[in-house]
Amino acid sequence: QVQLVESGGGLVQAGGSLRLSCAASGRTFGMGWFRQAPGKEREFVAAIHWSGGTTYYLDSVKGRFTVSRDNAKNTIYLQMNSLEPEDTAVYYCAAMRRTGRDMRITGNYEYWGQGTQVTVSS
């Protein structure tokens, strides 16, 4: 069992920045960030492989968000710049145990954090 603990959410004005962190209690193949806005389905935001650091992004966040990892701390980060009101959601980190699966698919992750609220005001 892998425990995930997120931190770093909050309230920010449009155009501002936030950095989310997710600390994992164990090592997995890769980790991702997802978000869920009220009345909407949970959607993929970004993901990263622990080994090699390959990254994936939702098209609408490319160039604004950056996912990174600190192997020594078993922690991933999501740096969010140029935030927009449409980015408002609960953000979740997730961990995937096995290789070879699409990291953009919610159902391919076995472990989930508790979520952290990000609110962007206009």
C-alpha atoms as a PDB file:
ATOM      1  CA  GLN A   1       0.000   0.000   0.000  1.00  0.00           C
ATOM      2  CA  VAL A   2       1.274   3.460  -0.942  1.00  0.00           C
ATOM      3  CA  GLN A   3       0.099   6.522   0.950  1.00  0.00           C
ATOM      4  CA  LEU A   4      -0.024   9.858  -0.867  1.00  0.00           C
ATOM      5  CA  VAL A   5      -0.128  13.192   0.941  1.00  0.00           C
ATOM      6  CA  GLU A   6      -0.800  16.362  -1.021  1.00  0.00           C
ATOM      7  CA  SER A   7      -0.224  19.953  -0.063  1.00  0.00           C
ATOM      8  CA  GLY A   8      -0.013  23.405  -1.605  1.00  0.00           C
ATOM      9  CA  GLY A   9      -3.517  24.273  -2.732  1.00  0.00           C
ATOM     10  CA  GLY A  10      -5.161  27.608  -2.040  1.00  0.00           C
ATOM     11  CA  LEU A  11      -6.764  30.730  -3.428  1.00  0.00           C
ATOM     12  CA  VAL A  12      -4.975  32.785  -6.059  1.00  0.00           C
ATOM     13  CA  GLN A  13      -5.905  35.503  -8.522  1.00  0.00           C
ATOM     14  CA  ALA A  14      -5.946  34.849 -12.247  1.00  0.00           C
ATOM     15  CA  GLY A  15      -2.438  35.048 -13.646  1.00  0.00           C
ATOM     16  CA  GLY A  16      -0.913  33.891 -10.375  1.00  0.00           C
ATOM     17  CA  SER A  17       1.016  30.757  -9.463  1.00  0.00           C
ATOM     18  CA  LEU A  18       0.786  27.842  -7.065  1.00  0.00           C
ATOM     19  CA  ARG A  19       2.911  24.773  -6.468  1.00  0.00           C
ATOM     20  CA  LEU A  20       1.370  21.495  -5.383  1.00  0.00           C
ATOM     21  CA  SER A  21       3.366  18.730  -3.706  1.00  0.00           C
ATOM     22  CA  CYS A  22       2.611  15.050  -3.296  1.00  0.00           C
ATOM     23  CA  ALA A  23       4.719  12.885  -1.010  1.00  0.00           C
ATOM     24  CA  ALA A  24       4.555   9.125  -1.529  1.00  0.00           C
ATOM     25  CA  SER A  25       5.298   6.510   1.135  1.00  0.00           C
ATOM     26  CA  GLY A  26       6.715   4.104  -1.453  1.00  0.00           C
ATOM     27  CA  ARG A  27       8.069   3.949  -4.985  1.00  0.00           C
ATOM     28  CA  THR A  28       5.838   3.138  -7.959  1.00  0.00           C
ATOM     29  CA  PHE A  29       6.242   3.237 -11.721  1.00  0.00           C
ATOM     30  CA  GLY A  30       4.852   6.724 -12.150  1.00  0.00           C
ATOM     31  CA  MET A  31       2.613   9.383 -10.702  1.00  0.00           C
ATOM     32  CA  GLY A  32       0.061  11.765 -12.035  1.00  0.00           C
ATOM     33  CA  TRP A  33      -2.042  14.805 -11.230  1.00  0.00           C
ATOM     34  CA  PHE A  34      -5.761  14.906 -11.901  1.00  0.00           C
ATOM     35  CA  ARG A  35      -8.417  17.490 -11.142  1.00  0.00           C
ATOM     36  CA  GLN A  36     -12.150  17.561 -10.647  1.00  0.00           C
ATOM     37  CA  ALA A  37     -14.318  20.654 -10.885  1.00  0.00           C
ATOM     38  CA  PRO A  38     -17.853  20.759  -9.462  1.00  0.00           C
ATOM     39  CA  GLY A  39     -20.268  18.872 -11.687  1.00  0.00           C
ATOM     40  CA  LYS A  40     -17.498  17.553 -13.923  1.00  0.00           C
ATOM     41  CA  GLU A  41     -15.642  14.292 -14.252  1.00  0.00           C
ATOM     42  CA  ARG A  42     -12.129  13.905 -12.942  1.00  0.00           C
ATOM     43  CA  GLU A  43      -9.641  14.749 -15.694  1.00  0.00           C
ATOM     44  CA  PHE A  44      -5.975  14.111 -16.320  1.00  0.00           C
ATOM     45  CA  VAL A  45      -3.632  17.085 -15.881  1.00  0.00           C
ATOM     46  CA  ALA A  46      -0.035  15.821 -15.915  1.00  0.00           C
ATOM     47  CA  ALA A  47       2.044  12.727 -15.212  1.00  0.00           C
ATOM     48  CA  ILE A  48       5.672  11.716 -14.801  1.00  0.00           C
ATOM     49  CA  HIS A  49       7.705   8.495 -14.792  1.00  0.00           C
ATOM     50  CA  TRP A  50       9.926   8.017 -11.732  1.00  0.00           C
ATOM     51  CA  SER A  51      12.637   6.530 -13.911  1.00  0.00           C
ATOM     52  CA  GLY A  52      13.734   8.775 -16.745  1.00  0.00           C
ATOM     53  CA  GLY A  53      11.315  11.558 -15.922  1.00  0.00           C
ATOM     54  CA  THR A  54       9.149  11.355 -19.054  1.00  0.00           C
ATOM     55  CA  THR A  55       6.233  13.743 -18.698  1.00  0.00           C
ATOM     56  CA  TYR A  56       2.719  14.061 -20.137  1.00  0.00           C
ATOM     57  CA  TYR A  57       0.334  17.008 -20.078  1.00  0.00           C
ATOM     58  CA  LEU A  58      -3.238  17.951 -20.780  1.00  0.00           C
ATOM     59  CA  ASP A  59      -3.169  20.204 -23.839  1.00  0.00           C
ATOM     60  CA  SER A  60      -4.769  23.146 -22.056  1.00  0.00           C
ATOM     61  CA  VAL A  61      -2.025  23.282 -19.393  1.00  0.00           C
ATOM     62  CA  LYS A  62       1.004  22.834 -21.657  1.00  0.00           C
ATOM     63  CA  GLY A  63       3.347  25.768 -21.262  1.00  0.00           C
ATOM     64  CA  ARG A  64       1.708  26.811 -17.983  1.00  0.00           C
ATOM     65  CA  PHE A  65       2.082  23.751 -15.727  1.00  0.00           C
ATOM     66  CA  THR A  66       5.227  21.744 -15.036  1.00  0.00           C
ATOM     67  CA  VAL A  67       5.353  18.370 -13.311  1.00  0.00           C
ATOM     68  CA  SER A  68       8.634  17.339 -11.687  1.00  0.00           C
ATOM     69  CA  ARG A  69       9.961  14.787  -9.219  1.00  0.00           C
ATOM     70  CA  ASP A  70      12.443  14.534  -6.390  1.00  0.00           C
ATOM     71  CA  ASN A  71      13.498  10.905  -6.244  1.00  0.00           C
ATOM     72  CA  ALA A  72      15.298  11.298  -2.922  1.00  0.00           C
ATOM     73  CA  LYS A  73      12.152  12.629  -1.261  1.00  0.00           C
ATOM     74  CA  ASN A  74       9.672  10.392  -3.139  1.00  0.00           C
ATOM     75  CA  THR A  75       7.802  13.579  -3.941  1.00  0.00           C
ATOM     76  CA  ILE A  76       6.320  15.018  -7.103  1.00  0.00           C
ATOM     77  CA  TYR A  77       5.378  18.609  -7.735  1.00  0.00           C
ATOM     78  CA  LEU A  78       3.016  20.497  -9.990  1.00  0.00           C
ATOM     79  CA  GLN A  79       4.125  24.056 -10.650  1.00  0.00           C
ATOM     80  CA  MET A  80       1.137  25.979 -11.963  1.00  0.00           C
ATOM     81  CA  ASN A  81       1.721  29.369 -13.583  1.00  0.00           C
ATOM     82  CA  SER A  82      -0.596  31.773 -15.402  1.00  0.00           C
ATOM     83  CA  LEU A  83      -3.546  30.263 -13.604  1.00  0.00           C
ATOM     84  CA  GLU A  84      -7.002  30.793 -15.035  1.00  0.00           C
ATOM     85  CA  PRO A  85     -10.444  30.588 -13.381  1.00  0.00           C
ATOM     86  CA  GLU A  86     -11.027  27.443 -15.462  1.00  0.00           C
ATOM     87  CA  ASP A  87      -8.235  25.756 -13.482  1.00  0.00           C
ATOM     88  CA  THR A  88     -10.358  25.893 -10.335  1.00  0.00           C
ATOM     89  CA  ALA A  89     -10.842  22.333  -9.053  1.00  0.00           C
ATOM     90  CA  VAL A  90      -9.836  19.813  -6.445  1.00  0.00           C
ATOM     91  CA  TYR A  91      -6.447  18.474  -7.505  1.00  0.00           C
ATOM     92  CA  TYR A  92      -5.513  14.868  -6.770  1.00  0.00           C
ATOM     93  CA  CYS A  93      -2.233  13.068  -7.091  1.00  0.00           C
ATOM     94  CA  ALA A  94      -2.201   9.396  -7.986  1.00  0.00           C
ATOM     95  CA  ALA A  95       0.338   6.584  -8.229  1.00  0.00           C
ATOM     96  CA  MET A  96       0.581   3.776 -10.780  1.00  0.00           C
ATOM     97  CA  ARG A  97       2.312   0.521  -9.850  1.00  0.00           C
ATOM     98  CA  ARG A  98       2.810  -1.120 -13.215  1.00  0.00           C
ATOM     99  CA  THR A  99       4.463  -0.059 -16.451  1.00  0.00           C
ATOM    100  CA  GLY A 100       2.934  -0.135 -19.909  1.00  0.00           C
ATOM    101  CA  ARG A 101      -0.340   1.593 -19.158  1.00  0.00           C
ATOM    102  CA  ASP A 102      -1.653   4.913 -20.367  1.00  0.00           C
ATOM    103  CA  MET A 103      -0.858   7.446 -17.668  1.00  0.00           C
ATOM    104  CA  ARG A 104      -3.716   9.704 -18.792  1.00  0.00           C
ATOM    105  CA  ILE A 105      -6.395   7.216 -17.739  1.00  0.00           C
ATOM    106  CA  THR A 106      -7.851   7.566 -14.258  1.00  0.00           C
ATOM    107  CA  GLY A 107      -8.584   3.854 -13.898  1.00  0.00           C
ATOM    108  CA  ASN A 108      -4.941   2.879 -14.419  1.00  0.00           C
ATOM    109  CA  TYR A 109      -3.894   4.331 -11.062  1.00  0.00           C
ATOM    110  CA  GLU A 110      -4.081   2.239  -7.895  1.00  0.00           C
ATOM    111  CA  TYR A 111      -3.437   4.872  -5.235  1.00  0.00           C
ATOM    112  CA  TRP A 112      -4.923   8.315  -4.714  1.00  0.00           C
ATOM    113  CA  GLY A 113      -4.330  11.260  -2.440  1.00  0.00           C
ATOM    114  CA  GLN A 114      -7.029  13.063  -0.508  1.00  0.00           C
ATOM    115  CA  GLY A 115      -7.142  16.055  -2.857  1.00  0.00           C
ATOM    116  CA  THR A 116      -6.325  19.711  -2.397  1.00  0.00           C
ATOM    117  CA  GLN A 117      -8.502  22.644  -3.439  1.00  0.00           C
ATOM    118  CA  VAL A 118      -7.220  25.160  -5.977  1.00  0.00           C
ATOM    119  CA  THR A 119      -9.378  28.247  -6.500  1.00  0.00           C
ATOM    120  CA  VAL A 120      -8.518  30.873  -9.092  1.00  0.00           C
ATOM    121  CA  SER A 121     -10.444  34.129  -8.867  1.00  0.00           C
ATOM    122  CA  SER A 122     -11.030  36.374 -11.863  1.00  0.00           C
END
